[in-house]
Protein backbone atom coordinates (compact mmCIF):
# COMPACT_ATOMS: atom_id res chain seq x y z
CA MET A 1 -25.32 14.91 17.48
CA GLY A 2 -26.95 13.76 20.61
CA ILE A 3 -27.93 10.53 18.61
CA LEU A 4 -24.32 9.99 17.22
CA LYS A 5 -23.14 10.23 21.15
CA LYS A 6 -25.52 7.81 22.56
CA GLU A 7 -24.26 5.18 19.60
CA MET A 8 -21.07 5.87 20.33
CA ASN A 9 -21.62 5.12 24.40
CA SER A 10 -23.74 1.76 22.84
CA PHE A 11 -20.16 1.08 20.59
CA LEU A 12 -17.94 1.04 23.10
CA THR A 13 -19.75 -0.93 25.97
CA LYS A 14 -20.06 -3.85 23.08
CA ILE A 15 -16.33 -3.43 22.17
CA LYS A 16 -16.20 -3.92 25.77
CA LEU A 17 -18.13 -7.04 25.97
CA SER A 18 -16.63 -7.90 22.55
CA MET A 19 -12.93 -8.29 23.74
CA ALA A 20 -14.12 -10.30 26.89
CA GLU A 21 -14.97 -13.10 24.30
CA GLN A 22 -11.62 -13.25 22.15
CA HIS A 23 -8.37 -14.86 22.68
CA GLU A 24 -6.34 -14.51 20.54
CA HIS A 25 -4.55 -11.47 22.69
CA ILE A 26 -4.74 -9.05 20.66
CA ASP A 27 -6.78 -5.92 22.34
CA ILE A 28 -8.84 -2.83 20.62
CA PRO A 29 -7.69 0.23 23.16
CA GLU A 30 -11.74 1.46 23.49
CA LYS A 31 -10.34 4.24 25.26
CA GLU A 32 -8.65 5.55 22.55
CA ILE A 33 -11.92 4.92 20.54
CA ASN A 34 -13.98 6.86 22.88
CA ASN A 35 -11.91 10.15 22.37
CA GLN A 36 -10.76 9.41 19.03
CA PHE A 37 -14.42 9.65 17.56
CA SER A 38 -15.74 12.38 19.42
CA TYR A 39 -17.21 15.39 17.99
CA LYS A 40 -14.86 17.41 20.14
CA ARG A 41 -12.49 16.01 19.01
CA ILE A 42 -12.69 16.94 15.19
CA ALA A 43 -14.13 20.31 15.80
CA VAL A 44 -10.54 21.17 17.45
CA ILE A 45 -8.71 19.30 14.62
CA ILE A 46 -10.54 21.05 11.57
CA LEU A 47 -10.26 24.08 13.82
CA LEU A 48 -6.67 23.70 14.89
CA SER A 49 -6.04 23.01 11.03
CA LEU A 50 -7.71 26.39 9.47
CA ALA A 51 -5.76 28.40 12.22
CA ILE A 52 -2.87 27.61 11.22
CA SER A 53 -3.93 27.72 7.55
CA ALA A 54 -5.50 31.06 8.05
CA TYR A 55 -2.15 32.48 9.89
CA LEU A 56 -0.07 31.68 6.90
CA ILE A 57 -2.25 33.15 4.28
CA TYR A 58 -2.47 36.06 6.66
CA THR A 59 1.33 36.31 6.96
CA SER A 60 2.11 35.98 3.04
CA PHE A 61 -1.54 36.88 0.88
CA ASN A 62 -1.36 39.90 -1.25
CA PHE A 63 -4.09 41.00 -3.26
CA ASP A 64 -1.96 42.01 -6.20
CA ALA A 65 -0.63 38.69 -6.42
CA LEU A 66 -3.92 36.91 -5.98
CA ARG A 67 -5.14 38.91 -8.99
CA GLY A 68 -2.10 38.23 -11.36
CA ILE A 69 -2.73 34.50 -11.23
CA LYS A 70 -5.04 32.80 -14.05
CA TRP A 71 -8.92 31.67 -13.23
CA ASP A 72 -10.98 30.28 -15.74
CA ALA A 73 -12.81 26.83 -16.54
CA GLU A 74 -9.42 25.15 -16.91
CA SER A 75 -8.54 25.97 -13.34
CA LEU A 76 -11.95 24.66 -12.24
CA LEU A 77 -11.75 21.73 -14.26
CA TRP A 78 -7.94 21.07 -13.01
CA ILE A 79 -9.67 21.08 -9.13
CA ALA A 80 -11.99 18.58 -10.32
CA ALA A 81 -9.21 16.62 -11.49
CA GLY A 82 -7.82 16.60 -7.83
CA PHE A 83 -11.11 15.36 -6.55
CA ILE A 84 -11.05 12.51 -8.73
CA PHE A 85 -8.01 11.52 -7.71
CA LEU A 86 -8.81 11.33 -4.31
CA ILE A 87 -11.35 8.74 -5.83
CA ILE A 88 -9.10 6.76 -7.47
CA ARG A 89 -6.94 6.45 -4.72
CA HIS A 90 -10.19 5.58 -2.35
CA LEU A 91 -11.26 2.96 -5.05
CA GLY A 92 -7.74 1.61 -5.47
CA TYR A 93 -7.69 0.98 -1.00
CA MET A 94 -10.89 -0.76 -1.51
CA TYR A 95 -9.55 -3.22 -4.04
CA ARG A 96 -6.52 -3.76 -2.14
CA LEU A 97 -9.09 -4.16 0.72
CA ARG A 98 -11.03 -6.97 -1.09
CA LEU A 99 -7.74 -8.45 -2.61
CA ILE A 100 -6.46 -9.33 0.37
CA THR A 101 -9.48 -10.27 2.50
CA ASP A 102 -10.09 -13.01 -0.67
CA LYS A 103 -13.12 -10.62 -1.55
CA LYS A 104 -14.64 -11.68 2.04
CA LEU A 105 -15.79 -7.92 1.43
CA SER A 106 -18.06 -6.37 -0.84
CA TRP A 107 -17.24 -3.45 -1.90
CA ARG A 108 -19.96 -1.35 0.29
CA GLN A 109 -18.31 -2.78 3.21
CA SER A 110 -14.57 -2.19 1.75
CA PHE A 111 -15.99 1.49 1.03
CA ASN A 112 -17.06 1.75 4.84
CA ILE A 113 -14.18 0.87 6.15
CA ILE A 114 -11.67 2.21 4.22
CA SER A 115 -13.52 5.67 4.55
CA LEU A 116 -13.30 4.78 8.70
CA TRP A 117 -9.47 4.13 8.40
CA GLU A 118 -9.24 7.19 6.59
CA PHE A 119 -11.21 8.61 9.26
CA SER A 120 -9.88 7.36 12.64
CA SER A 121 -5.79 8.67 10.62
CA ALA A 122 -7.08 11.99 10.21
CA LEU A 123 -7.69 12.12 13.78
CA THR A 124 -4.58 10.61 15.55
CA PRO A 125 -1.03 12.13 14.98
CA SER A 126 0.74 10.35 12.36
CA THR A 127 -1.28 6.66 11.77
CA VAL A 128 -0.99 5.65 14.68
CA GLY A 129 -4.14 5.17 15.81
CA GLY A 130 -6.15 3.93 12.18
CA ALA A 131 -4.15 0.05 12.02
CA ALA A 132 -5.27 -1.30 15.60
CA VAL A 133 -9.05 0.36 14.42
CA ALA A 134 -9.29 -0.90 11.63
CA ILE A 135 -8.36 -4.14 13.16
CA TYR A 136 -11.82 -3.95 14.98
CA PHE A 137 -13.68 -2.08 12.23
CA MET A 138 -12.52 -5.66 9.76
CA LYS A 139 -13.44 -8.13 12.83
CA LYS A 140 -17.24 -6.54 12.81
CA GLU A 141 -17.55 -6.60 9.24
CA LYS A 142 -17.28 -10.58 10.20
CA LEU A 143 -13.77 -10.85 9.28
CA SER A 144 -11.67 -13.08 11.40
CA LEU A 145 -9.06 -11.46 13.76
CA GLY A 146 -6.51 -13.35 12.38
CA LYS A 147 -7.42 -12.38 8.65
CA SER A 148 -8.33 -8.68 9.76
CA ALA A 149 -5.02 -8.47 12.15
CA ALA A 150 -3.16 -9.60 8.72
CA THR A 151 -4.96 -7.31 6.39
CA SER A 152 -4.09 -4.23 8.63
CA MET A 153 -0.48 -5.00 8.48
CA LEU A 154 -0.24 -5.97 5.18
CA THR A 155 -1.77 -2.81 3.83
CA ILE A 156 0.71 -0.97 6.46
CA PHE A 157 3.65 -3.02 5.25
CA LEU A 158 2.84 -2.68 1.10
CA ASP A 159 2.51 1.83 1.79
CA GLN A 160 5.71 1.57 3.10
CA ILE A 161 7.22 -0.43 1.12
CA PHE A 162 6.08 1.66 -1.70
CA LEU A 163 6.98 5.28 0.06
CA ALA A 164 10.46 3.30 0.65
CA VAL A 165 11.04 2.04 -3.31
CA PHE A 166 9.26 4.87 -4.83
CA GLY A 167 11.47 7.80 -2.70
CA ILE A 168 14.36 7.07 -3.09
CA LEU A 169 13.75 6.54 -7.19
CA MET A 170 12.33 9.50 -7.17
CA TRP A 171 15.64 10.83 -5.84
CA PHE A 172 17.58 9.29 -9.03
CA VAL A 173 15.10 10.53 -11.20
CA VAL A 174 15.05 14.47 -9.91
CA GLY A 175 18.10 14.71 -8.10
CA GLY A 176 18.46 16.04 -4.90
CA ASN A 177 18.42 19.37 -5.51
CA LYS A 178 15.43 19.56 -6.67
CA MET A 179 13.39 17.37 -4.60
CA PHE A 180 14.61 19.06 -1.55
CA ALA A 181 13.95 22.47 -2.69
CA SER A 182 17.60 22.59 -1.94
CA ASP A 183 18.03 26.52 -4.25
CA ALA A 184 14.22 26.98 -3.17
CA ASN A 185 15.01 31.46 -2.89
CA CYS A 186 11.34 31.18 -2.93
CA ARG A 187 11.50 30.48 1.10
CA SER A 188 14.15 33.00 1.85
CA GLN A 189 11.96 35.63 0.53
CA SER A 190 8.74 34.51 1.87
CA ASP A 191 7.33 35.97 4.79
CA LEU A 192 5.99 32.56 6.14
CA PRO A 193 7.59 31.50 9.61
CA LEU A 194 9.77 28.42 10.11
CA MET A 195 10.96 28.75 6.69
CA ASN A 196 14.98 28.18 7.30
CA MET A 197 14.01 24.47 9.06
CA PHE A 198 13.61 22.77 5.48
CA HIS A 199 17.07 24.09 4.02
CA ASN A 200 18.43 21.00 6.01
CA MET A 201 15.37 18.85 4.38
CA GLN A 202 17.08 16.73 2.90
CA ALA A 203 18.92 15.54 5.68
CA VAL A 204 15.94 15.09 7.62
CA TYR A 205 14.16 13.03 4.76
CA PHE A 206 16.96 10.09 5.31
CA LEU A 207 17.30 10.23 8.19
CA GLY A 208 13.70 9.07 8.40
CA PHE A 209 13.89 7.09 5.47
CA GLY A 210 17.09 5.01 7.44
CA ILE A 211 14.62 4.89 10.14
CA PHE A 212 11.65 3.49 7.97
CA LEU A 213 13.94 1.29 5.82
CA ILE A 214 14.60 -0.74 9.72
CA VAL A 215 11.29 -0.71 10.60
CA ILE A 216 10.51 -2.08 7.08
CA ALA A 217 13.29 -4.63 7.03
CA GLY A 218 11.50 -5.53 10.74
CA ILE A 219 8.21 -6.48 9.83
CA ALA A 220 9.48 -8.76 6.48
CA TYR A 221 11.47 -10.28 8.50
CA GLY A 222 8.49 -11.21 10.77
CA LEU A 223 6.51 -12.39 7.95
CA PHE A 224 8.65 -14.19 6.01
CA VAL A 225 11.20 -15.80 7.69
CA ASN A 226 10.46 -16.70 11.98
CA ALA A 227 7.63 -14.45 13.32
CA HIS A 228 8.19 -15.46 16.84
CA ALA A 229 11.62 -14.38 17.19
CA PHE A 230 10.51 -11.28 15.74
CA LYS A 231 7.78 -10.85 18.53
CA SER A 232 10.74 -12.29 21.01
CA MET A 233 12.85 -9.40 19.48
CA LEU A 234 10.49 -6.62 20.61
CA ASN A 235 9.89 -8.07 23.52
CA SER A 236 13.81 -7.86 24.57
CA ILE A 237 13.85 -4.35 22.99
CA PHE A 238 10.72 -3.03 24.53
CA SER A 239 11.69 -4.24 27.53
CA LEU A 240 14.82 -1.48 28.21
CA ARG A 241 13.55 1.06 30.94
CA PHE A 242 13.20 3.99 28.43
CA LEU A 243 11.11 1.71 26.69
CA LYS A 244 9.42 0.22 28.50
CA LYS A 245 5.90 2.03 28.55
CA TRP A 246 5.79 1.04 24.91
CA GLN A 247 6.54 -3.44 25.20
CA LYS A 248 2.32 -3.83 25.47
CA ASP A 249 1.81 -2.31 22.53
CA ALA A 250 5.32 -4.12 20.60
CA VAL A 251 3.89 -7.42 21.67
CA GLN A 252 0.99 -6.26 20.23
CA THR A 253 2.04 -5.60 16.35
CA GLY A 254 4.51 -9.15 17.34
CA ASN A 255 1.11 -11.20 17.93
CA VAL A 256 -0.41 -9.11 15.31
CA ILE A 257 2.28 -10.16 12.70
CA ILE A 258 2.29 -13.56 13.89
CA LEU A 259 -1.12 -13.78 12.92
CA THR A 260 -0.30 -12.35 9.19
CA SER A 261 2.41 -14.13 8.96
CA GLU A 262 0.55 -17.56 9.03
CA GLU A 263 -2.72 -15.51 6.73
CA LEU A 264 0.29 -15.19 4.11
CA LYS A 265 1.33 -18.54 3.86
CA THR A 266 -1.14 -19.27 0.89
CA LYS A 267 -0.09 -16.43 -1.20
CA ASN A 268 0.99 -16.16 -4.45
CA VAL A 269 3.02 -14.45 -6.97
CA GLY A 270 -0.42 -12.99 -8.87
CA PHE A 271 -1.20 -11.89 -4.79
CA TRP A 272 1.56 -10.01 -4.75
CA ALA A 273 1.75 -8.38 -7.55
CA LYS A 274 -1.81 -6.86 -7.92
CA SER A 275 -1.20 -5.95 -4.12
CA PHE A 276 1.72 -3.95 -5.00
CA LEU A 277 0.09 -2.28 -8.28
CA SER A 278 -3.64 -1.16 -6.33
CA THR A 279 -0.96 0.34 -3.66
CA THR A 280 0.91 2.24 -6.31
CA ILE A 281 -2.36 3.50 -8.62
CA THR A 282 -3.38 4.89 -5.26
CA TRP A 283 -0.60 7.04 -3.35
CA ILE A 284 0.88 7.60 -7.49
CA ALA A 285 -3.16 9.28 -7.22
CA PHE A 286 -2.74 11.00 -4.00
CA PHE A 287 0.61 12.34 -4.69
CA SER A 288 -0.59 13.95 -7.91
CA ILE A 289 -3.39 15.99 -6.79
CA PRO A 290 -0.73 18.95 -5.40
CA ILE A 291 -0.22 19.15 -9.04
CA CYS A 292 -3.61 19.54 -10.45
CA ILE A 293 -3.74 22.04 -7.31
CA ILE A 294 -0.84 23.98 -9.00
CA HIS A 295 -1.75 23.12 -12.35
CA ALA A 296 -5.05 25.29 -11.48
CA PHE A 297 -3.47 28.39 -11.10
CA PHE A 298 -0.07 28.43 -12.22
CA ASP A 299 1.37 27.16 -15.41
CA PRO A 300 4.31 24.19 -14.83
CA THR A 301 6.23 22.55 -17.62
CA PHE A 302 6.36 18.31 -18.02
CA ALA A 303 9.84 18.95 -16.85
CA ASP A 304 8.18 20.24 -13.04
CA LEU A 305 5.63 17.29 -12.34
CA PRO A 306 8.12 15.05 -11.82
CA VAL A 307 9.69 17.05 -9.15
CA ILE A 308 6.34 18.59 -7.93
CA PHE A 309 5.38 14.86 -7.63
CA SER A 310 8.85 13.65 -6.34
CA ARG A 311 8.26 16.58 -3.61
CA MET A 312 5.84 15.25 -1.68
CA PHE A 313 7.29 12.37 -0.52
CA ALA A 314 9.77 14.88 1.36
CA ILE A 315 5.97 15.84 3.12
CA TRP A 316 4.92 12.68 4.03
CA MET A 317 7.78 12.04 5.35
CA LEU A 318 7.67 14.83 8.11
CA MET A 319 3.60 14.29 8.15
CA LEU A 320 4.20 11.07 9.55
CA LEU A 321 6.52 13.00 12.60
CA PRO A 322 3.34 12.57 15.68
CA ILE A 323 3.48 15.79 16.66
CA SER A 324 -0.35 16.86 15.46
CA PRO A 325 -3.25 14.74 14.74
CA GLY A 326 -3.51 14.29 10.57
CA GLY A 327 -0.44 16.43 10.26
CA ALA A 328 -2.71 19.60 11.31
CA GLY A 329 -0.41 22.47 10.75
CA ILE A 330 2.59 20.31 9.56
CA ALA A 331 1.03 19.78 6.19
CA GLU A 332 0.47 22.56 5.83
CA LEU A 333 3.64 24.74 6.76
CA THR A 334 5.88 21.98 4.61
CA PHE A 335 3.70 22.21 1.58
CA SER A 336 4.08 25.82 1.71
CA ALA A 337 7.98 25.69 2.06
CA MET A 338 8.29 23.05 -0.81
CA MET A 339 5.87 23.91 -3.44
CA CYS A 340 7.01 28.14 -3.35
CA ASP A 341 8.83 27.70 -6.22
CA PHE A 342 6.02 26.37 -8.75
CA THR A 343 3.86 29.06 -7.01
CA ASP A 344 3.87 32.70 -5.90
CA PRO A 345 5.27 32.69 -2.33
CA ALA A 346 2.77 35.20 -1.73
CA LEU A 347 -0.26 32.48 -2.48
CA VAL A 348 1.26 29.41 -1.57
CA ALA A 349 -0.21 28.72 1.88
CA THR A 350 -3.58 29.26 -0.02
CA LEU A 351 -2.76 26.77 -2.58
CA ALA A 352 -1.35 24.88 0.91
CA LEU A 353 -5.65 24.75 2.36
CA LEU A 354 -6.70 24.31 -0.61
CA TRP A 355 -4.38 20.80 -1.35
CA ARG A 356 -6.39 20.03 2.35
CA ILE A 357 -9.38 20.84 1.39
CA ILE A 358 -9.00 18.33 -1.21
CA SER A 359 -7.30 15.60 0.06
CA PHE A 360 -7.70 15.59 4.14
CA TYR A 361 -11.05 17.47 5.12
CA PRO A 362 -13.39 15.07 2.95
CA TYR A 363 -12.63 11.86 4.62
CA LEU A 364 -13.73 13.94 8.17
CA PHE A 365 -16.50 14.61 7.00
CA THR A 366 -17.20 11.30 5.23
CA GLY A 367 -16.44 9.37 8.54
CA VAL A 368 -19.09 11.51 10.38
CA ILE A 369 -21.43 10.52 8.24
CA ILE A 370 -20.47 6.96 7.99
CA LEU A 371 -19.39 6.48 11.50
CA PRO A 372 -23.12 6.57 12.97
CA ARG A 373 -24.57 4.25 10.02
CA TRP A 374 -22.59 1.88 10.51
CA ILE A 375 -22.50 1.26 13.77
CA LYS A 376 -25.85 0.69 13.62
CA LYS A 377 -25.32 -1.55 10.71
CA VAL A 378 -22.94 -3.76 12.25
CA TYR A 379 -24.42 -4.10 15.92
CA SER A 380 -27.97 -4.94 14.66
CA ASN A 381 -26.95 -8.13 12.40
């Protein structure tokens, strides 16, 4: 722990020095990085997530229900499949990173950057902190600031496009009642807290979806039509008194959009096809993890699988709310509310914890291992 703390102090000092040498008007928030990568913050997030999970399990757990589930070699295989889907997601992100950067990053560099990027996102509410720090990670891997900013912005844009397009597609495929568990009586029968708040999940989702579309349209206009006009528009909007405290961040976003739009001028149709295909694979893999978890202990039908998959869009939408780091608490509660009719309500909170063990905790533990080694490597060159 002492070694990591010493390396972090050196890391932050060098960030400050390197930022003084840059003239592209993109700032890296070193104070936020300091807070973000502290052992104290990591411990708090893990304890918060585990405490909420423990509370949810305590309020709903039933030993008779536990004895009634199947537990055999097939269960272990399905859990292993969940971890395999997480690996596929990671590999998909690595491939996309190399694609967007014109293979200027090696597979090893891509692995480190994606791991640290996910680590950063897991330590901040929603996805607020990950993108800005990712720019710095790529910059230290010898990418230009313009290429780093473009890569960060484009990955976010592609993710948003997938979530918007496939979210509405799944709504048409499975129907609103099934996608949002509108008639899930298990919530009324459950002893879990706050279950009533999920009865209007469809309205909440489409409110978020509308905001999502506005953001996507704005970014698309900036990237492909007029980046400078988009930056001016952001500056004007956030100069309003009640938005002024976010004006600096808005202007920085405008600067990133300008750099990104310049980088994208040379991209062809093949690039966009490969980028969106890799994005699609990563998200399908990630949203398939709950299918593996439910399959491990229960017997969903083939018709249930697209429904389980579709509900991940609603769960993810709520996790985007900047309430807690990495969606801690929100994720477990929402999963329990949205998946209880495919499981035993007395065990769904336990499955929610297993879902987080597969899809969330690995990024925290991997980040703790990789960060000090990455710091030594990039500053020894």
